[in-house]
Amino acid sequence: MAGPAPGRLLRTLAALAALALVLALLALGPPAVWAGQTPRPAERGPPVRLFTEEELAGYGGEEEDQPIYMAVKGVVFDVTSGKEFYGRGAPYNALAGKDATRGVAKMSLDPADLTHDTTGLTAEELKSLDDVFTKVYKAKYPIVGYTARRILNEDGSPNLDFKPEDQPHFDIKDEF
């Protein structure tokens, strides 16, 4: 009986050599280790979750030992580090515990404006909303979740257009 064809034997040996090289590299650890660098662990915030209006209202800064959350554009931020602004009796406490998108856009604390509804906002107010959302809230406070209204359609079905917000410490694997 004749042995394997020389071309086939060479391909098999090359595949085995490549497999041995991959296994040897994997044994060394991740690529950062190969370059003599210590790999940095990924920064991780708390898991991101879905909030109903009722659940979000429980984080309005009234309880001393409870975090303070507020939402802008359906994104829930932990504003506890700004307790002097959002805590009980603080100047912006009216924004805490709710989606205050309209109030942020209009720079208003009027109770009628403390809602998610952006209907009728001017182009200037919408630009202000985007600026404050990006340059203040996303830059300063960790994202802890999304309002149900941002992730779900009114009938309760998933919003297929939903995309999580980028944030330096945000790890998309924690999304749901």
C-alpha atoms as a PDB file:
ATOM      1  CA  MET A   1       0.000   0.000   0.000  1.00  0.00           C
ATOM      2  CA  ALA A   2       1.382   3.408  -0.969  1.00  0.00           C
ATOM      3  CA  GLY A   3       1.780   6.221   1.591  1.00  0.00           C
ATOM      4  CA  PRO A   4      -0.007   9.563   1.482  1.00  0.00           C
ATOM      5  CA  ALA A   5       0.712  11.902  -1.404  1.00  0.00           C
ATOM      6  CA  PRO A   6       3.656  14.258  -0.680  1.00  0.00           C
ATOM      7  CA  GLY A   7       1.483  17.405  -1.073  1.00  0.00           C
ATOM      8  CA  ARG A   8      -1.086  16.125   1.391  1.00  0.00           C
ATOM      9  CA  LEU A   9       1.641  15.182   3.889  1.00  0.00           C
ATOM     10  CA  LEU A  10       3.141  18.684   3.691  1.00  0.00           C
ATOM     11  CA  ARG A  11      -0.261  20.331   4.260  1.00  0.00           C
ATOM     12  CA  THR A  12      -0.887  18.108   7.296  1.00  0.00           C
ATOM     13  CA  LEU A  13       2.536  18.911   8.771  1.00  0.00           C
ATOM     14  CA  ALA A  14       2.018  22.649   8.148  1.00  0.00           C
ATOM     15  CA  ALA A  15      -1.382  22.523   9.869  1.00  0.00           C
ATOM     16  CA  LEU A  16       0.108  20.687  12.867  1.00  0.00           C
ATOM     17  CA  ALA A  17       2.967  23.218  13.095  1.00  0.00           C
ATOM     18  CA  ALA A  18       0.477  26.127  12.990  1.00  0.00           C
ATOM     19  CA  LEU A  19      -1.628  24.474  15.704  1.00  0.00           C
ATOM     20  CA  ALA A  20       1.464  23.979  17.890  1.00  0.00           C
ATOM     21  CA  LEU A  21       2.404  27.657  17.453  1.00  0.00           C
ATOM     22  CA  VAL A  22      -1.093  28.839  18.423  1.00  0.00           C
ATOM     23  CA  LEU A  23      -1.116  26.604  21.508  1.00  0.00           C
ATOM     24  CA  ALA A  24       2.338  27.865  22.540  1.00  0.00           C
ATOM     25  CA  LEU A  25       1.226  31.505  22.188  1.00  0.00           C
ATOM     26  CA  LEU A  26      -1.960  30.859  24.155  1.00  0.00           C
ATOM     27  CA  ALA A  27       0.115  29.391  26.968  1.00  0.00           C
ATOM     28  CA  LEU A  28       1.991  32.724  27.197  1.00  0.00           C
ATOM     29  CA  GLY A  29      -1.193  34.641  27.914  1.00  0.00           C
ATOM     30  CA  PRO A  30      -2.857  37.604  26.152  1.00  0.00           C
ATOM     31  CA  PRO A  31      -0.920  39.735  23.621  1.00  0.00           C
ATOM     32  CA  ALA A  32      -0.147  42.439  26.227  1.00  0.00           C
ATOM     33  CA  VAL A  33       1.864  39.847  28.170  1.00  0.00           C
ATOM     34  CA  TRP A  34       3.876  38.936  25.052  1.00  0.00           C
ATOM     35  CA  ALA A  35       5.034  42.577  24.858  1.00  0.00           C
ATOM     36  CA  GLY A  36       5.972  42.559  28.556  1.00  0.00           C
ATOM     37  CA  GLN A  37       2.985  44.697  29.540  1.00  0.00           C
ATOM     38  CA  THR A  38       0.657  43.949  32.402  1.00  0.00           C
ATOM     39  CA  PRO A  39      -2.898  43.691  31.075  1.00  0.00           C
ATOM     40  CA  ARG A  40      -5.334  46.186  32.634  1.00  0.00           C
ATOM     41  CA  PRO A  41      -8.552  44.767  33.997  1.00  0.00           C
ATOM     42  CA  ALA A  42     -11.618  46.255  32.326  1.00  0.00           C
ATOM     43  CA  GLU A  43     -13.345  48.923  34.383  1.00  0.00           C
ATOM     44  CA  ARG A  44     -16.823  47.810  35.237  1.00  0.00           C
ATOM     45  CA  GLY A  45     -19.658  49.760  36.690  1.00  0.00           C
ATOM     46  CA  PRO A  46     -22.758  48.204  38.193  1.00  0.00           C
ATOM     47  CA  PRO A  47     -24.875  46.066  35.864  1.00  0.00           C
ATOM     48  CA  VAL A  48     -27.215  48.114  33.684  1.00  0.00           C
ATOM     49  CA  ARG A  49     -30.928  47.555  34.197  1.00  0.00           C
ATOM     50  CA  LEU A  50     -34.387  48.578  33.052  1.00  0.00           C
ATOM     51  CA  PHE A  51     -36.383  51.058  35.175  1.00  0.00           C
ATOM     52  CA  THR A  52     -40.114  51.674  35.179  1.00  0.00           C
ATOM     53  CA  GLU A  53     -41.254  55.195  36.126  1.00  0.00           C
ATOM     54  CA  GLU A  54     -42.328  53.855  39.522  1.00  0.00           C
ATOM     55  CA  GLU A  55     -38.947  52.213  40.193  1.00  0.00           C
ATOM     56  CA  LEU A  56     -37.031  55.316  39.148  1.00  0.00           C
ATOM     57  CA  ALA A  57     -39.167  57.441  41.484  1.00  0.00           C
ATOM     58  CA  GLY A  58     -37.728  55.432  44.402  1.00  0.00           C
ATOM     59  CA  TYR A  59     -34.302  56.989  43.727  1.00  0.00           C
ATOM     60  CA  GLY A  60     -35.321  60.627  44.094  1.00  0.00           C
ATOM     61  CA  GLY A  61     -32.850  61.513  46.827  1.00  0.00           C
ATOM     62  CA  GLU A  62     -35.291  61.329  49.719  1.00  0.00           C
ATOM     63  CA  GLU A  63     -33.535  58.454  51.497  1.00  0.00           C
ATOM     64  CA  GLU A  64     -30.048  59.129  52.876  1.00  0.00           C
ATOM     65  CA  ASP A  65     -28.747  55.596  52.277  1.00  0.00           C
ATOM     66  CA  GLN A  66     -30.236  55.264  48.769  1.00  0.00           C
ATOM     67  CA  PRO A  67     -28.435  56.267  45.533  1.00  0.00           C
ATOM     68  CA  ILE A  68     -29.863  59.192  43.552  1.00  0.00           C
ATOM     69  CA  TYR A  69     -30.829  58.460  39.954  1.00  0.00           C
ATOM     70  CA  MET A  70     -32.269  60.594  37.192  1.00  0.00           C
ATOM     71  CA  ALA A  71     -32.899  59.978  33.508  1.00  0.00           C
ATOM     72  CA  VAL A  72     -32.231  62.104  30.459  1.00  0.00           C
ATOM     73  CA  LYS A  73     -33.309  60.843  27.026  1.00  0.00           C
ATOM     74  CA  GLY A  74     -34.281  57.544  28.678  1.00  0.00           C
ATOM     75  CA  VAL A  75     -30.764  56.917  30.018  1.00  0.00           C
ATOM     76  CA  VAL A  76     -30.641  56.514  33.810  1.00  0.00           C
ATOM     77  CA  PHE A  77     -27.622  58.107  35.500  1.00  0.00           C
ATOM     78  CA  ASP A  78     -26.370  57.686  39.063  1.00  0.00           C
ATOM     79  CA  VAL A  79     -26.040  61.326  40.176  1.00  0.00           C
ATOM     80  CA  THR A  80     -25.285  60.455  43.805  1.00  0.00           C
ATOM     81  CA  SER A  81     -21.832  62.050  43.537  1.00  0.00           C
ATOM     82  CA  GLY A  82     -23.681  65.334  42.898  1.00  0.00           C
ATOM     83  CA  LYS A  83     -25.766  64.950  46.055  1.00  0.00           C
ATOM     84  CA  GLU A  84     -25.310  68.659  46.808  1.00  0.00           C
ATOM     85  CA  PHE A  85     -27.214  69.376  43.565  1.00  0.00           C
ATOM     86  CA  TYR A  86     -29.690  66.473  43.383  1.00  0.00           C
ATOM     87  CA  GLY A  87     -30.199  65.361  47.004  1.00  0.00           C
ATOM     88  CA  ARG A  88     -33.081  66.226  49.320  1.00  0.00           C
ATOM     89  CA  GLY A  89     -33.554  70.005  49.490  1.00  0.00           C
ATOM     90  CA  ALA A  90     -30.870  70.620  46.831  1.00  0.00           C
ATOM     91  CA  PRO A  91     -31.456  73.027  43.910  1.00  0.00           C
ATOM     92  CA  TYR A  92     -31.981  70.318  41.257  1.00  0.00           C
ATOM     93  CA  ASN A  93     -33.727  67.716  43.402  1.00  0.00           C
ATOM     94  CA  ALA A  94     -36.839  68.170  41.247  1.00  0.00           C
ATOM     95  CA  LEU A  95     -34.967  66.362  38.428  1.00  0.00           C
ATOM     96  CA  ALA A  96     -34.110  63.314  40.565  1.00  0.00           C
ATOM     97  CA  GLY A  97     -36.124  60.112  40.429  1.00  0.00           C
ATOM     98  CA  LYS A  98     -37.613  60.764  36.996  1.00  0.00           C
ATOM     99  CA  ASP A  99     -36.884  61.150  33.301  1.00  0.00           C
ATOM    100  CA  ALA A 100     -36.522  64.945  33.172  1.00  0.00           C
ATOM    101  CA  THR A 101     -35.534  65.205  29.508  1.00  0.00           C
ATOM    102  CA  ARG A 102     -37.840  68.125  28.703  1.00  0.00           C
ATOM    103  CA  GLY A 103     -36.742  70.054  31.806  1.00  0.00           C
ATOM    104  CA  VAL A 104     -33.067  69.578  30.907  1.00  0.00           C
ATOM    105  CA  ALA A 105     -33.723  70.729  27.324  1.00  0.00           C
ATOM    106  CA  LYS A 106     -35.566  73.841  28.488  1.00  0.00           C
ATOM    107  CA  MET A 107     -33.363  74.423  31.549  1.00  0.00           C
ATOM    108  CA  SER A 108     -36.603  74.358  33.522  1.00  0.00           C
ATOM    109  CA  LEU A 109     -37.624  73.045  36.922  1.00  0.00           C
ATOM    110  CA  ASP A 110     -41.301  73.696  36.230  1.00  0.00           C
ATOM    111  CA  PRO A 111     -43.152  70.487  37.226  1.00  0.00           C
ATOM    112  CA  ALA A 112     -44.913  70.480  33.827  1.00  0.00           C
ATOM    113  CA  ASP A 113     -41.491  70.205  32.127  1.00  0.00           C
ATOM    114  CA  LEU A 114     -40.203  67.313  34.258  1.00  0.00           C
ATOM    115  CA  THR A 115     -41.103  64.641  31.737  1.00  0.00           C
ATOM    116  CA  HIS A 116     -39.597  62.480  28.997  1.00  0.00           C
ATOM    117  CA  ASP A 117     -41.793  64.172  26.365  1.00  0.00           C
ATOM    118  CA  THR A 118     -39.841  66.252  23.849  1.00  0.00           C
ATOM    119  CA  THR A 119     -42.845  67.142  21.674  1.00  0.00           C
ATOM    120  CA  GLY A 120     -42.751  70.773  20.572  1.00  0.00           C
ATOM    121  CA  LEU A 121     -39.178  71.540  21.664  1.00  0.00           C
ATOM    122  CA  THR A 122     -37.381  74.051  19.448  1.00  0.00           C
ATOM    123  CA  ALA A 123     -34.247  73.192  17.471  1.00  0.00           C
ATOM    124  CA  GLU A 124     -32.256  75.283  19.958  1.00  0.00           C
ATOM    125  CA  GLU A 125     -33.723  73.373  22.932  1.00  0.00           C
ATOM    126  CA  LEU A 126     -32.974  70.026  21.260  1.00  0.00           C
ATOM    127  CA  LYS A 127     -29.373  71.112  20.621  1.00  0.00           C
ATOM    128  CA  SER A 128     -29.069  72.226  24.247  1.00  0.00           C
ATOM    129  CA  LEU A 129     -30.448  68.844  25.343  1.00  0.00           C
ATOM    130  CA  ASP A 130     -27.857  66.962  23.282  1.00  0.00           C
ATOM    131  CA  ASP A 131     -25.033  69.171  24.570  1.00  0.00           C
ATOM    132  CA  VAL A 132     -25.987  68.799  28.238  1.00  0.00           C
ATOM    133  CA  PHE A 133     -26.642  65.067  27.796  1.00  0.00           C
ATOM    134  CA  THR A 134     -23.170  64.496  26.325  1.00  0.00           C
ATOM    135  CA  LYS A 135     -21.028  67.101  28.068  1.00  0.00           C
ATOM    136  CA  VAL A 136     -22.570  66.901  31.541  1.00  0.00           C
ATOM    137  CA  TYR A 137     -24.436  63.684  32.211  1.00  0.00           C
ATOM    138  CA  LYS A 138     -22.527  61.161  30.065  1.00  0.00           C
ATOM    139  CA  ALA A 139     -19.204  62.794  30.938  1.00  0.00           C
ATOM    140  CA  LYS A 140     -19.784  63.043  34.678  1.00  0.00           C
ATOM    141  CA  TYR A 141     -22.197  60.352  35.875  1.00  0.00           C
ATOM    142  CA  PRO A 142     -22.255  56.566  35.361  1.00  0.00           C
ATOM    143  CA  ILE A 143     -25.068  55.004  33.367  1.00  0.00           C
ATOM    144  CA  VAL A 144     -26.967  52.531  35.537  1.00  0.00           C
ATOM    145  CA  GLY A 145     -29.853  51.708  33.239  1.00  0.00           C
ATOM    146  CA  TYR A 146     -32.516  52.770  30.812  1.00  0.00           C
ATOM    147  CA  THR A 147     -36.159  53.668  31.214  1.00  0.00           C
ATOM    148  CA  ALA A 148     -38.666  51.121  29.986  1.00  0.00           C
ATOM    149  CA  ARG A 149     -39.849  53.758  27.525  1.00  0.00           C
ATOM    150  CA  ARG A 150     -36.365  53.830  25.907  1.00  0.00           C
ATOM    151  CA  ILE A 151     -36.098  50.043  25.470  1.00  0.00           C
ATOM    152  CA  LEU A 152     -39.715  48.999  24.931  1.00  0.00           C
ATOM    153  CA  ASN A 153     -42.416  50.151  22.548  1.00  0.00           C
ATOM    154  CA  GLU A 154     -45.752  51.283  23.985  1.00  0.00           C
ATOM    155  CA  ASP A 155     -47.202  47.803  23.401  1.00  0.00           C
ATOM    156  CA  GLY A 156     -44.402  46.259  25.489  1.00  0.00           C
ATOM    157  CA  SER A 157     -42.537  44.775  22.538  1.00  0.00           C
ATOM    158  CA  PRO A 158     -38.775  45.364  22.284  1.00  0.00           C
ATOM    159  CA  ASN A 159     -37.660  48.574  20.564  1.00  0.00           C
ATOM    160  CA  LEU A 160     -35.548  47.181  17.729  1.00  0.00           C
ATOM    161  CA  ASP A 161     -33.901  50.612  17.234  1.00  0.00           C
ATOM    162  CA  PHE A 162     -32.514  50.634  20.805  1.00  0.00           C
ATOM    163  CA  LYS A 163     -28.739  51.129  21.026  1.00  0.00           C
ATOM    164  CA  PRO A 164     -26.908  51.451  24.333  1.00  0.00           C
ATOM    165  CA  GLU A 165     -24.979  54.639  25.030  1.00  0.00           C
ATOM    166  CA  ASP A 166     -21.190  54.582  24.844  1.00  0.00           C
ATOM    167  CA  GLN A 167     -19.414  55.464  28.054  1.00  0.00           C
ATOM    168  CA  PRO A 168     -15.759  54.852  28.952  1.00  0.00           C
ATOM    169  CA  HIS A 169     -16.514  52.498  31.873  1.00  0.00           C
ATOM    170  CA  PHE A 170     -19.579  51.006  30.209  1.00  0.00           C
ATOM    171  CA  ASP A 171     -19.262  47.305  29.362  1.00  0.00           C
ATOM    172  CA  ILE A 172     -21.864  46.219  26.841  1.00  0.00           C
ATOM    173  CA  LYS A 173     -21.796  42.652  28.250  1.00  0.00           C
ATOM    174  CA  ASP A 174     -23.634  44.058  31.286  1.00  0.00           C
ATOM    175  CA  GLU A 175     -26.413  45.347  29.075  1.00  0.00           C
ATOM    176  CA  PHE A 176     -29.139  42.901  30.154  1.00  0.00           C
END
